[in-house]
């Protein structure tokens, strides 16, 4: 199986996109050609000059807009067999300005770590992109992101609240409050939230899965089911990440959620059974590619009158920063 469109998380960005270009070249040598690619700097490692984690020091990885030792660390990238025509970038949006945002507070109720810091703190820990792809004459938008894990913080729950609002941003996009969205779209990426297990806002994740504008194809795997944690409440077959038992254990944190006018013809998680030959690709410890597993969904779209199209889709990708209306 080879995907037509791939969204990569934890892909380091560099100014000339040398890493992504080299990766695409390596795939091409193996027979997988993705002539269209996109990556941007994102917020990971982007210095702010502020103490954002409240430890009294600035200039550390947790004081960047998103955790990182350098700009572009663990960013996003898109590879496609179809033309990528335009990208709307929401990564610059300030967290405090997001409608309904829940910001961290000190025990006394004051802004964490400070009002000044919250005025510059962006919502996206990596990036939020609306990537418009021309699929056989039809515009399909990818709502791509990778959120902060809802851990590695204190009682203020800075990361937990941020992961919640990073997910909620797509609701504002679907509501038409920010950006321009095609009729056909796919919410795709890593929310770092499970609807039933682990840390974070389970209800927020379940709410997105229940959104009547979206389909949950429920990608599953035999390997995930075999690796079930005894204390988990969710269906282990749907898990997409393999972390040590209890810390936090296996979770469903990566998603491909198409709009209801797209047909999900198949879906799965690449987590082979213990005795499957493909299991060797995961390495002896199962972590050759890290704890996250690849999630895939086969989608079908048909040409219909009045559908969105993209005119003037050329070799240059049109980039635009968007604001709330």
C-alpha atoms as a PDB file:
ATOM      1  CA  UNK A   1       0.000   0.000   0.000  1.00  0.00           C
ATOM      2  CA  UNK A   2       1.251   3.513  -0.834  1.00  0.00           C
ATOM      3  CA  UNK A   3      -0.540   6.689   0.182  1.00  0.00           C
ATOM      4  CA  UNK A   4      -1.347   9.512  -2.244  1.00  0.00           C
ATOM      5  CA  UNK A   5      -1.003  12.165   0.475  1.00  0.00           C
ATOM      6  CA  UNK A   6       1.152  11.902   3.588  1.00  0.00           C
ATOM      7  CA  UNK A   7       1.193  14.221   6.611  1.00  0.00           C
ATOM      8  CA  UNK A   8       4.347  13.767   8.657  1.00  0.00           C
ATOM      9  CA  UNK A   9       4.702  14.870  12.263  1.00  0.00           C
ATOM     10  CA  UNK A  10       7.991  15.308  14.144  1.00  0.00           C
ATOM     11  CA  UNK A  11       9.763  16.237  10.895  1.00  0.00           C
ATOM     12  CA  UNK A  12      12.485  18.825  11.485  1.00  0.00           C
ATOM     13  CA  UNK A  13      12.237  21.909   9.272  1.00  0.00           C
ATOM     14  CA  UNK A  14      15.179  23.788   7.769  1.00  0.00           C
ATOM     15  CA  UNK A  15      15.192  27.007   5.764  1.00  0.00           C
ATOM     16  CA  UNK A  16      15.865  25.338   2.403  1.00  0.00           C
ATOM     17  CA  UNK A  17      13.692  22.282   3.150  1.00  0.00           C
ATOM     18  CA  UNK A  18      16.791  20.176   2.556  1.00  0.00           C
ATOM     19  CA  UNK A  19      15.646  17.460   4.962  1.00  0.00           C
ATOM     20  CA  UNK A  20      12.218  17.108   3.345  1.00  0.00           C
ATOM     21  CA  UNK A  21      13.716  17.174  -0.155  1.00  0.00           C
ATOM     22  CA  UNK A  22      16.199  14.449   0.775  1.00  0.00           C
ATOM     23  CA  UNK A  23      13.455  12.372   2.369  1.00  0.00           C
ATOM     24  CA  UNK A  24      11.294  12.659  -0.751  1.00  0.00           C
ATOM     25  CA  UNK A  25      14.291  11.667  -2.888  1.00  0.00           C
ATOM     26  CA  UNK A  26      14.868   8.576  -0.752  1.00  0.00           C
ATOM     27  CA  UNK A  27      11.213   7.588  -1.142  1.00  0.00           C
ATOM     28  CA  UNK A  28      11.484   8.111  -4.898  1.00  0.00           C
ATOM     29  CA  UNK A  29      14.375   5.680  -5.056  1.00  0.00           C
ATOM     30  CA  UNK A  30      12.088   3.118  -3.443  1.00  0.00           C
ATOM     31  CA  UNK A  31       9.377   3.747  -6.005  1.00  0.00           C
ATOM     32  CA  UNK A  32       7.241   6.234  -4.049  1.00  0.00           C
ATOM     33  CA  UNK A  33       7.158   9.554  -5.907  1.00  0.00           C
ATOM     34  CA  UNK A  34       5.726  12.616  -4.165  1.00  0.00           C
ATOM     35  CA  UNK A  35       6.415  15.537  -6.510  1.00  0.00           C
ATOM     36  CA  UNK A  36       4.496  18.028  -4.352  1.00  0.00           C
ATOM     37  CA  UNK A  37       5.791  18.907  -0.901  1.00  0.00           C
ATOM     38  CA  UNK A  38       5.184  21.545   1.739  1.00  0.00           C
ATOM     39  CA  UNK A  39       6.789  22.398   5.069  1.00  0.00           C
ATOM     40  CA  UNK A  40       7.015  25.568   7.137  1.00  0.00           C
ATOM     41  CA  UNK A  41       9.016  26.724  10.131  1.00  0.00           C
ATOM     42  CA  UNK A  42       6.209  26.410  12.681  1.00  0.00           C
ATOM     43  CA  UNK A  43       6.413  27.384  16.334  1.00  0.00           C
ATOM     44  CA  UNK A  44       8.569  24.650  17.861  1.00  0.00           C
ATOM     45  CA  UNK A  45      11.808  26.189  19.104  1.00  0.00           C
ATOM     46  CA  UNK A  46      10.779  29.717  18.060  1.00  0.00           C
ATOM     47  CA  UNK A  47      12.268  31.994  20.730  1.00  0.00           C
ATOM     48  CA  UNK A  48      10.035  34.461  22.556  1.00  0.00           C
ATOM     49  CA  UNK A  49      12.314  36.183  25.074  1.00  0.00           C
ATOM     50  CA  UNK A  50       9.735  35.410  27.794  1.00  0.00           C
ATOM     51  CA  UNK A  51       9.565  32.912  30.637  1.00  0.00           C
ATOM     52  CA  UNK A  52       6.640  30.855  29.345  1.00  0.00           C
ATOM     53  CA  UNK A  53       6.862  27.879  31.696  1.00  0.00           C
ATOM     54  CA  UNK A  54       6.965  29.908  34.924  1.00  0.00           C
ATOM     55  CA  UNK A  55      10.298  28.630  36.264  1.00  0.00           C
ATOM     56  CA  UNK A  56      11.816  32.094  36.539  1.00  0.00           C
ATOM     57  CA  UNK A  57      14.173  31.689  33.566  1.00  0.00           C
ATOM     58  CA  UNK A  58      13.855  32.462  29.867  1.00  0.00           C
ATOM     59  CA  UNK A  59      15.632  31.172  26.779  1.00  0.00           C
ATOM     60  CA  UNK A  60      15.002  27.493  27.527  1.00  0.00           C
ATOM     61  CA  UNK A  61      13.238  25.003  25.213  1.00  0.00           C
ATOM     62  CA  UNK A  62       9.945  25.369  27.104  1.00  0.00           C
ATOM     63  CA  UNK A  63      10.092  29.148  26.693  1.00  0.00           C
ATOM     64  CA  UNK A  64       9.830  28.889  22.914  1.00  0.00           C
ATOM     65  CA  UNK A  65       6.428  29.202  21.246  1.00  0.00           C
ATOM     66  CA  UNK A  66       6.461  25.402  21.138  1.00  0.00           C
ATOM     67  CA  UNK A  67       8.917  23.157  22.942  1.00  0.00           C
ATOM     68  CA  UNK A  68      12.141  22.924  21.012  1.00  0.00           C
ATOM     69  CA  UNK A  69      15.878  23.415  21.130  1.00  0.00           C
ATOM     70  CA  UNK A  70      15.903  25.091  17.721  1.00  0.00           C
ATOM     71  CA  UNK A  71      13.432  26.660  15.317  1.00  0.00           C
ATOM     72  CA  UNK A  72      11.623  24.033  13.288  1.00  0.00           C
ATOM     73  CA  UNK A  73      12.309  21.095  15.578  1.00  0.00           C
ATOM     74  CA  UNK A  74       9.684  18.336  15.268  1.00  0.00           C
ATOM     75  CA  UNK A  75       7.581  20.222  12.758  1.00  0.00           C
ATOM     76  CA  UNK A  76       5.031  19.218  10.140  1.00  0.00           C
ATOM     77  CA  UNK A  77       5.438  18.297   6.491  1.00  0.00           C
ATOM     78  CA  UNK A  78       3.098  17.261   3.675  1.00  0.00           C
ATOM     79  CA  UNK A  79       3.973  15.081   0.682  1.00  0.00           C
ATOM     80  CA  UNK A  80       1.486  14.594  -2.132  1.00  0.00           C
ATOM     81  CA  UNK A  81       1.020  13.033  -5.538  1.00  0.00           C
ATOM     82  CA  UNK A  82      -1.576  15.723  -6.206  1.00  0.00           C
ATOM     83  CA  UNK A  83      -0.793  19.443  -6.579  1.00  0.00           C
ATOM     84  CA  UNK A  84      -0.610  21.449  -3.355  1.00  0.00           C
ATOM     85  CA  UNK A  85      -2.070  24.796  -4.408  1.00  0.00           C
ATOM     86  CA  UNK A  86      -2.417  26.931  -1.306  1.00  0.00           C
ATOM     87  CA  UNK A  87      -1.715  26.948   2.422  1.00  0.00           C
ATOM     88  CA  UNK A  88      -3.537  29.036   5.002  1.00  0.00           C
ATOM     89  CA  UNK A  89      -1.354  29.326   8.092  1.00  0.00           C
ATOM     90  CA  UNK A  90      -3.042  29.722  11.482  1.00  0.00           C
ATOM     91  CA  UNK A  91       0.116  29.085  13.482  1.00  0.00           C
ATOM     92  CA  UNK A  92       0.604  32.730  14.476  1.00  0.00           C
ATOM     93  CA  UNK A  93      -2.749  33.037  16.288  1.00  0.00           C
ATOM     94  CA  UNK A  94      -2.385  34.090  19.933  1.00  0.00           C
ATOM     95  CA  UNK A  95      -3.833  31.574  22.378  1.00  0.00           C
ATOM     96  CA  UNK A  96      -5.510  34.227  24.540  1.00  0.00           C
ATOM     97  CA  UNK A  97      -7.400  35.551  21.501  1.00  0.00           C
ATOM     98  CA  UNK A  98      -9.027  32.216  20.610  1.00  0.00           C
ATOM     99  CA  UNK A  99     -12.773  32.311  21.407  1.00  0.00           C
ATOM    100  CA  UNK A 100     -13.484  30.150  24.422  1.00  0.00           C
ATOM    101  CA  UNK A 101      -9.802  29.706  25.289  1.00  0.00           C
ATOM    102  CA  UNK A 102      -8.980  28.303  28.723  1.00  0.00           C
ATOM    103  CA  UNK A 103      -5.662  29.766  29.840  1.00  0.00           C
ATOM    104  CA  UNK A 104      -3.483  28.447  32.685  1.00  0.00           C
ATOM    105  CA  UNK A 105      -3.635  30.152  36.069  1.00  0.00           C
ATOM    106  CA  UNK A 106      -1.562  30.244  39.219  1.00  0.00           C
ATOM    107  CA  UNK A 107      -3.280  28.950  42.396  1.00  0.00           C
ATOM    108  CA  UNK A 108      -4.233  32.529  43.282  1.00  0.00           C
ATOM    109  CA  UNK A 109      -6.053  32.884  39.969  1.00  0.00           C
ATOM    110  CA  UNK A 110      -3.558  35.176  38.272  1.00  0.00           C
ATOM    111  CA  UNK A 111      -2.341  34.602  34.718  1.00  0.00           C
ATOM    112  CA  UNK A 112       0.274  31.853  34.348  1.00  0.00           C
ATOM    113  CA  UNK A 113       3.111  32.626  34.076  1.00  0.00           C
ATOM    114  CA  UNK A 114       2.268  36.309  33.525  1.00  0.00           C
ATOM    115  CA  UNK A 115      -0.117  38.523  31.641  1.00  0.00           C
ATOM    116  CA  UNK A 116       2.762  39.706  29.452  1.00  0.00           C
ATOM    117  CA  UNK A 117       3.668  36.134  28.526  1.00  0.00           C
ATOM    118  CA  UNK A 118       0.072  35.266  27.634  1.00  0.00           C
ATOM    119  CA  UNK A 119      -0.047  38.255  25.300  1.00  0.00           C
ATOM    120  CA  UNK A 120       2.650  36.680  23.091  1.00  0.00           C
ATOM    121  CA  UNK A 121       1.947  32.972  23.595  1.00  0.00           C
ATOM    122  CA  UNK A 122       0.745  31.424  20.337  1.00  0.00           C
ATOM    123  CA  UNK A 123      -1.791  28.616  20.396  1.00  0.00           C
ATOM    124  CA  UNK A 124       0.005  26.226  18.029  1.00  0.00           C
ATOM    125  CA  UNK A 125       2.817  24.238  19.594  1.00  0.00           C
ATOM    126  CA  UNK A 126       3.963  23.274  16.086  1.00  0.00           C
ATOM    127  CA  UNK A 127       1.632  24.450  13.302  1.00  0.00           C
ATOM    128  CA  UNK A 128      -1.982  24.659  12.193  1.00  0.00           C
ATOM    129  CA  UNK A 129      -2.338  24.606   8.404  1.00  0.00           C
ATOM    130  CA  UNK A 130      -5.222  24.461   5.963  1.00  0.00           C
ATOM    131  CA  UNK A 131      -3.531  22.811   2.979  1.00  0.00           C
ATOM    132  CA  UNK A 132      -5.545  22.915  -0.257  1.00  0.00           C
ATOM    133  CA  UNK A 133      -4.867  19.964  -2.566  1.00  0.00           C
ATOM    134  CA  UNK A 134      -6.256  19.582  -6.094  1.00  0.00           C
ATOM    135  CA  UNK A 135      -7.494  15.985  -6.349  1.00  0.00           C
ATOM    136  CA  UNK A 136      -8.682  15.241  -9.889  1.00  0.00           C
ATOM    137  CA  UNK A 137     -10.071  18.764 -10.196  1.00  0.00           C
ATOM    138  CA  UNK A 138     -11.627  18.780  -6.722  1.00  0.00           C
ATOM    139  CA  UNK A 139     -10.359  20.939  -3.864  1.00  0.00           C
ATOM    140  CA  UNK A 140      -9.762  18.938  -0.707  1.00  0.00           C
ATOM    141  CA  UNK A 141      -8.457  20.781   2.350  1.00  0.00           C
ATOM    142  CA  UNK A 142      -6.196  19.148   4.910  1.00  0.00           C
ATOM    143  CA  UNK A 143      -6.581  20.571   8.424  1.00  0.00           C
ATOM    144  CA  UNK A 144      -3.148  19.526   9.641  1.00  0.00           C
ATOM    145  CA  UNK A 145      -1.637  19.960  13.079  1.00  0.00           C
ATOM    146  CA  UNK A 146       0.356  18.291  15.841  1.00  0.00           C
ATOM    147  CA  UNK A 147      -0.513  19.340  19.389  1.00  0.00           C
ATOM    148  CA  UNK A 148       1.485  19.443  22.577  1.00  0.00           C
ATOM    149  CA  UNK A 149       1.153  16.383  24.846  1.00  0.00           C
ATOM    150  CA  UNK A 150      -1.067  17.202  27.855  1.00  0.00           C
ATOM    151  CA  UNK A 151       1.738  16.374  30.316  1.00  0.00           C
ATOM    152  CA  UNK A 152       5.116  17.767  31.434  1.00  0.00           C
ATOM    153  CA  UNK A 153       3.524  20.650  33.323  1.00  0.00           C
ATOM    154  CA  UNK A 154       2.274  21.423  36.824  1.00  0.00           C
ATOM    155  CA  UNK A 155      -1.081  22.011  38.519  1.00  0.00           C
ATOM    156  CA  UNK A 156      -1.716  24.946  36.182  1.00  0.00           C
ATOM    157  CA  UNK A 157      -2.214  22.328  33.422  1.00  0.00           C
ATOM    158  CA  UNK A 158      -0.605  24.555  30.816  1.00  0.00           C
ATOM    159  CA  UNK A 159      -0.028  21.776  28.286  1.00  0.00           C
ATOM    160  CA  UNK A 160      -3.335  20.054  28.933  1.00  0.00           C
ATOM    161  CA  UNK A 161      -5.317  23.232  28.362  1.00  0.00           C
ATOM    162  CA  UNK A 162      -3.264  24.089  25.307  1.00  0.00           C
ATOM    163  CA  UNK A 163      -3.785  20.674  23.680  1.00  0.00           C
ATOM    164  CA  UNK A 164      -7.534  21.113  24.224  1.00  0.00           C
ATOM    165  CA  UNK A 165      -7.601  24.494  22.534  1.00  0.00           C
ATOM    166  CA  UNK A 166      -5.296  23.371  19.709  1.00  0.00           C
ATOM    167  CA  UNK A 167      -7.967  20.791  18.892  1.00  0.00           C
ATOM    168  CA  UNK A 168     -10.830  23.263  19.339  1.00  0.00           C
ATOM    169  CA  UNK A 169      -9.351  25.607  16.739  1.00  0.00           C
ATOM    170  CA  UNK A 170     -10.611  23.278  14.000  1.00  0.00           C
ATOM    171  CA  UNK A 171     -14.143  23.779  15.272  1.00  0.00           C
ATOM    172  CA  UNK A 172     -13.771  27.527  14.655  1.00  0.00           C
ATOM    173  CA  UNK A 173     -12.483  26.780  11.148  1.00  0.00           C
ATOM    174  CA  UNK A 174     -15.461  24.516  10.415  1.00  0.00           C
ATOM    175  CA  UNK A 175     -17.776  27.203  11.840  1.00  0.00           C
ATOM    176  CA  UNK A 176     -16.382  29.712   9.330  1.00  0.00           C
ATOM    177  CA  UNK A 177     -14.852  31.998  11.969  1.00  0.00           C
ATOM    178  CA  UNK A 178     -11.305  31.778  10.635  1.00  0.00           C
ATOM    179  CA  UNK A 179      -9.824  30.742   7.305  1.00  0.00           C
ATOM    180  CA  UNK A 180     -11.578  29.590   4.140  1.00  0.00           C
ATOM    181  CA  UNK A 181     -12.628  25.952   4.071  1.00  0.00           C
ATOM    182  CA  UNK A 182     -13.562  23.791   1.095  1.00  0.00           C
ATOM    183  CA  UNK A 183     -16.693  21.657   1.095  1.00  0.00           C
ATOM    184  CA  UNK A 184     -14.476  18.580   1.284  1.00  0.00           C
ATOM    185  CA  UNK A 185     -11.860  18.467   4.006  1.00  0.00           C
ATOM    186  CA  UNK A 186      -9.956  16.158   6.315  1.00  0.00           C
ATOM    187  CA  UNK A 187      -8.872  16.845   9.904  1.00  0.00           C
ATOM    188  CA  UNK A 188      -5.530  15.079  10.016  1.00  0.00           C
ATOM    189  CA  UNK A 189      -2.715  14.963  12.550  1.00  0.00           C
ATOM    190  CA  UNK A 190      -1.789  14.318  16.139  1.00  0.00           C
ATOM    191  CA  UNK A 191      -4.058  15.732  18.836  1.00  0.00           C
ATOM    192  CA  UNK A 192      -2.145  13.942  21.607  1.00  0.00           C
ATOM    193  CA  UNK A 193      -5.589  13.309  23.125  1.00  0.00           C
ATOM    194  CA  UNK A 194      -7.384   9.988  23.589  1.00  0.00           C
ATOM    195  CA  UNK A 195     -11.179  10.082  24.046  1.00  0.00           C
ATOM    196  CA  UNK A 196     -11.062   7.703  27.004  1.00  0.00           C
ATOM    197  CA  UNK A 197      -7.565   7.126  28.382  1.00  0.00           C
ATOM    198  CA  UNK A 198      -4.408   8.926  29.401  1.00  0.00           C
ATOM    199  CA  UNK A 199      -4.119  12.572  30.415  1.00  0.00           C
ATOM    200  CA  UNK A 200      -5.867  15.474  28.759  1.00  0.00           C
ATOM    201  CA  UNK A 201      -9.423  16.536  27.978  1.00  0.00           C
ATOM    202  CA  UNK A 202     -11.169  13.339  26.917  1.00  0.00           C
ATOM    203  CA  UNK A 203     -14.475  15.111  26.375  1.00  0.00           C
ATOM    204  CA  UNK A 204     -12.938  17.572  23.923  1.00  0.00           C
ATOM    205  CA  UNK A 205     -11.576  14.730  21.803  1.00  0.00           C
ATOM    206  CA  UNK A 206     -14.815  12.759  21.958  1.00  0.00           C
ATOM    207  CA  UNK A 207     -16.711  15.890  20.966  1.00  0.00           C
ATOM    208  CA  UNK A 208     -14.711  16.160  17.754  1.00  0.00           C
ATOM    209  CA  UNK A 209     -15.234  12.463  17.000  1.00  0.00           C
ATOM    210  CA  UNK A 210     -18.977  13.012  17.474  1.00  0.00           C
ATOM    211  CA  UNK A 211     -19.098  16.173  15.337  1.00  0.00           C
ATOM    212  CA  UNK A 212     -21.848  15.607  12.715  1.00  0.00           C
ATOM    213  CA  UNK A 213     -19.675  17.271  10.055  1.00  0.00           C
ATOM    214  CA  UNK A 214     -17.017  14.575  10.359  1.00  0.00           C
ATOM    215  CA  UNK A 215     -16.675  10.842   9.835  1.00  0.00           C
ATOM    216  CA  UNK A 216     -14.673   8.706  12.220  1.00  0.00           C
ATOM    217  CA  UNK A 217     -13.506   5.731  10.103  1.00  0.00           C
ATOM    218  CA  UNK A 218     -12.174   4.145  13.324  1.00  0.00           C
ATOM    219  CA  UNK A 219      -8.826   2.892  11.930  1.00  0.00           C
ATOM    220  CA  UNK A 220      -7.828  -0.251  13.795  1.00  0.00           C
ATOM    221  CA  UNK A 221      -5.058  -2.840  13.986  1.00  0.00           C
ATOM    222  CA  UNK A 222      -4.497  -6.355  15.246  1.00  0.00           C
ATOM    223  CA  UNK A 223      -1.197  -5.305  16.811  1.00  0.00           C
ATOM    224  CA  UNK A 224      -2.867  -2.631  18.899  1.00  0.00           C
ATOM    225  CA  UNK A 225      -5.439  -5.097  20.131  1.00  0.00           C
ATOM    226  CA  UNK A 226      -2.719  -7.609  21.068  1.00  0.00           C
ATOM    227  CA  UNK A 227      -0.837  -4.929  23.040  1.00  0.00           C
ATOM    228  CA  UNK A 228      -3.872  -3.892  25.087  1.00  0.00           C
ATOM    229  CA  UNK A 229      -3.243  -2.310  28.472  1.00  0.00           C
ATOM    230  CA  UNK A 230      -5.328  -4.006  31.155  1.00  0.00           C
ATOM    231  CA  UNK A 231      -6.480  -0.777  32.796  1.00  0.00           C
ATOM    232  CA  UNK A 232      -7.502   1.119  29.665  1.00  0.00           C
ATOM    233  CA  UNK A 233     -11.146   1.942  28.990  1.00  0.00           C
ATOM    234  CA  UNK A 234     -11.002   2.526  25.219  1.00  0.00           C
ATOM    235  CA  UNK A 235     -10.820  -0.025  22.415  1.00  0.00           C
ATOM    236  CA  UNK A 236      -7.124  -1.008  22.180  1.00  0.00           C
ATOM    237  CA  UNK A 237      -7.502  -1.885  18.492  1.00  0.00           C
ATOM    238  CA  UNK A 238      -7.905   1.858  17.815  1.00  0.00           C
ATOM    239  CA  UNK A 239      -4.691   2.856  19.591  1.00  0.00           C
ATOM    240  CA  UNK A 240      -2.098   4.685  17.490  1.00  0.00           C
ATOM    241  CA  UNK A 241       0.825   5.030  19.893  1.00  0.00           C
ATOM    242  CA  UNK A 242       2.827   2.486  21.905  1.00  0.00           C
ATOM    243  CA  UNK A 243       4.052   4.021  25.160  1.00  0.00           C
ATOM    244  CA  UNK A 244       5.165   2.139  28.294  1.00  0.00           C
ATOM    245  CA  UNK A 245       2.315   0.545  30.213  1.00  0.00           C
ATOM    246  CA  UNK A 246       0.805   2.957  32.680  1.00  0.00           C
ATOM    247  CA  UNK A 247       3.013   5.869  31.579  1.00  0.00           C
ATOM    248  CA  UNK A 248       0.734   6.535  29.803  1.00  0.00           C
ATOM    249  CA  UNK A 249       0.296   3.205  28.023  1.00  0.00           C
ATOM    250  CA  UNK A 250      -1.043   2.743  24.506  1.00  0.00           C
ATOM    251  CA  UNK A 251      -3.369   5.522  23.328  1.00  0.00           C
ATOM    252  CA  UNK A 252      -5.339   6.728  20.337  1.00  0.00           C
ATOM    253  CA  UNK A 253      -3.831  10.138  19.637  1.00  0.00           C
ATOM    254  CA  UNK A 254      -3.481  10.431  15.818  1.00  0.00           C
ATOM    255  CA  UNK A 255      -6.513  10.952  13.608  1.00  0.00           C
ATOM    256  CA  UNK A 256      -7.722  11.126  10.011  1.00  0.00           C
ATOM    257  CA  UNK A 257     -11.286  12.489  10.123  1.00  0.00           C
ATOM    258  CA  UNK A 258     -12.863  13.270   6.721  1.00  0.00           C
ATOM    259  CA  UNK A 259     -15.893  15.465   6.155  1.00  0.00           C
ATOM    260  CA  UNK A 260     -19.167  13.616   5.671  1.00  0.00           C
ATOM    261  CA  UNK A 261     -19.238  14.252   1.905  1.00  0.00           C
ATOM    262  CA  UNK A 262     -16.158  12.079   1.472  1.00  0.00           C
ATOM    263  CA  UNK A 263     -16.494   8.297   1.477  1.00  0.00           C
ATOM    264  CA  UNK A 264     -14.144   6.324   3.709  1.00  0.00           C
ATOM    265  CA  UNK A 265     -13.565   3.133   1.733  1.00  0.00           C
ATOM    266  CA  UNK A 266     -11.068   1.660   4.189  1.00  0.00           C
ATOM    267  CA  UNK A 267      -8.952   2.561   7.209  1.00  0.00           C
ATOM    268  CA  UNK A 268      -6.314   1.106   9.482  1.00  0.00           C
ATOM    269  CA  UNK A 269      -3.317   1.583  11.739  1.00  0.00           C
ATOM    270  CA  UNK A 270       0.016   0.095  10.739  1.00  0.00           C
ATOM    271  CA  UNK A 271       0.537  -2.035  13.821  1.00  0.00           C
ATOM    272  CA  UNK A 272       1.040  -5.592  12.535  1.00  0.00           C
ATOM    273  CA  UNK A 273       0.226  -8.668  14.571  1.00  0.00           C
ATOM    274  CA  UNK A 274       3.096 -10.257  16.504  1.00  0.00           C
ATOM    275  CA  UNK A 275       3.473 -13.069  13.960  1.00  0.00           C
ATOM    276  CA  UNK A 276       3.023 -10.925  10.819  1.00  0.00           C
ATOM    277  CA  UNK A 277       6.081 -10.558   8.536  1.00  0.00           C
ATOM    278  CA  UNK A 278       5.565  -6.787   8.444  1.00  0.00           C
ATOM    279  CA  UNK A 279       6.175  -6.682  12.191  1.00  0.00           C
ATOM    280  CA  UNK A 280       9.926  -6.586  11.498  1.00  0.00           C
ATOM    281  CA  UNK A 281       9.520  -3.044  10.142  1.00  0.00           C
ATOM    282  CA  UNK A 282       8.808  -1.867  13.687  1.00  0.00           C
ATOM    283  CA  UNK A 283      12.153  -3.169  14.962  1.00  0.00           C
ATOM    284  CA  UNK A 284      12.932  -5.615  17.718  1.00  0.00           C
ATOM    285  CA  UNK A 285      11.529  -3.295  20.381  1.00  0.00           C
ATOM    286  CA  UNK A 286       8.647  -2.079  18.219  1.00  0.00           C
ATOM    287  CA  UNK A 287       9.963   1.482  18.306  1.00  0.00           C
ATOM    288  CA  UNK A 288      12.091   1.702  15.161  1.00  0.00           C
ATOM    289  CA  UNK A 289       9.979   4.667  14.019  1.00  0.00           C
ATOM    290  CA  UNK A 290       9.145   5.877  17.519  1.00  0.00           C
ATOM    291  CA  UNK A 291       6.011   5.194  19.572  1.00  0.00           C
ATOM    292  CA  UNK A 292       3.556   6.530  16.983  1.00  0.00           C
ATOM    293  CA  UNK A 293       2.011   4.279  14.364  1.00  0.00           C
ATOM    294  CA  UNK A 294       0.975   5.269  10.839  1.00  0.00           C
ATOM    295  CA  UNK A 295      -2.762   5.873  10.459  1.00  0.00           C
ATOM    296  CA  UNK A 296      -4.321   5.562   6.999  1.00  0.00           C
ATOM    297  CA  UNK A 297      -7.720   6.134   5.459  1.00  0.00           C
ATOM    298  CA  UNK A 298      -8.781   5.500   1.845  1.00  0.00           C
ATOM    299  CA  UNK A 299     -11.104   8.280   0.648  1.00  0.00           C
ATOM    300  CA  UNK A 300     -13.261   8.597  -2.441  1.00  0.00           C
ATOM    301  CA  UNK A 301     -14.579  11.826  -3.921  1.00  0.00           C
ATOM    302  CA  UNK A 302     -16.767  12.323  -6.979  1.00  0.00           C
ATOM    303  CA  UNK A 303     -17.032  15.338  -9.253  1.00  0.00           C
ATOM    304  CA  UNK A 304     -20.237  17.192  -8.482  1.00  0.00           C
ATOM    305  CA  UNK A 305     -21.865  20.399  -9.686  1.00  0.00           C
ATOM    306  CA  UNK A 306     -21.107  23.408  -7.514  1.00  0.00           C
ATOM    307  CA  UNK A 307     -18.171  21.796  -5.771  1.00  0.00           C
ATOM    308  CA  UNK A 308     -15.067  23.694  -4.760  1.00  0.00           C
ATOM    309  CA  UNK A 309     -12.284  23.886  -7.291  1.00  0.00           C
ATOM    310  CA  UNK A 310      -8.932  25.647  -7.362  1.00  0.00           C
ATOM    311  CA  UNK A 311      -8.180  27.979 -10.216  1.00  0.00           C
ATOM    312  CA  UNK A 312      -4.667  28.989 -11.128  1.00  0.00           C
ATOM    313  CA  UNK A 313      -2.981  26.140  -9.289  1.00  0.00           C
ATOM    314  CA  UNK A 314       0.619  26.572 -10.428  1.00  0.00           C
ATOM    315  CA  UNK A 315       4.035  25.377  -9.369  1.00  0.00           C
ATOM    316  CA  UNK A 316       4.230  27.963  -6.559  1.00  0.00           C
ATOM    317  CA  UNK A 317       2.215  27.301  -3.407  1.00  0.00           C
ATOM    318  CA  UNK A 318       0.195  30.329  -2.334  1.00  0.00           C
ATOM    319  CA  UNK A 319       0.762  30.993   1.371  1.00  0.00           C
ATOM    320  CA  UNK A 320      -1.487  33.172   3.492  1.00  0.00           C
ATOM    321  CA  UNK A 321      -1.689  34.016   7.184  1.00  0.00           C
ATOM    322  CA  UNK A 322      -5.307  34.271   8.328  1.00  0.00           C
ATOM    323  CA  UNK A 323      -7.027  36.010  11.230  1.00  0.00           C
ATOM    324  CA  UNK A 324     -10.349  35.604  13.055  1.00  0.00           C
ATOM    325  CA  UNK A 325     -13.248  37.417  11.457  1.00  0.00           C
END
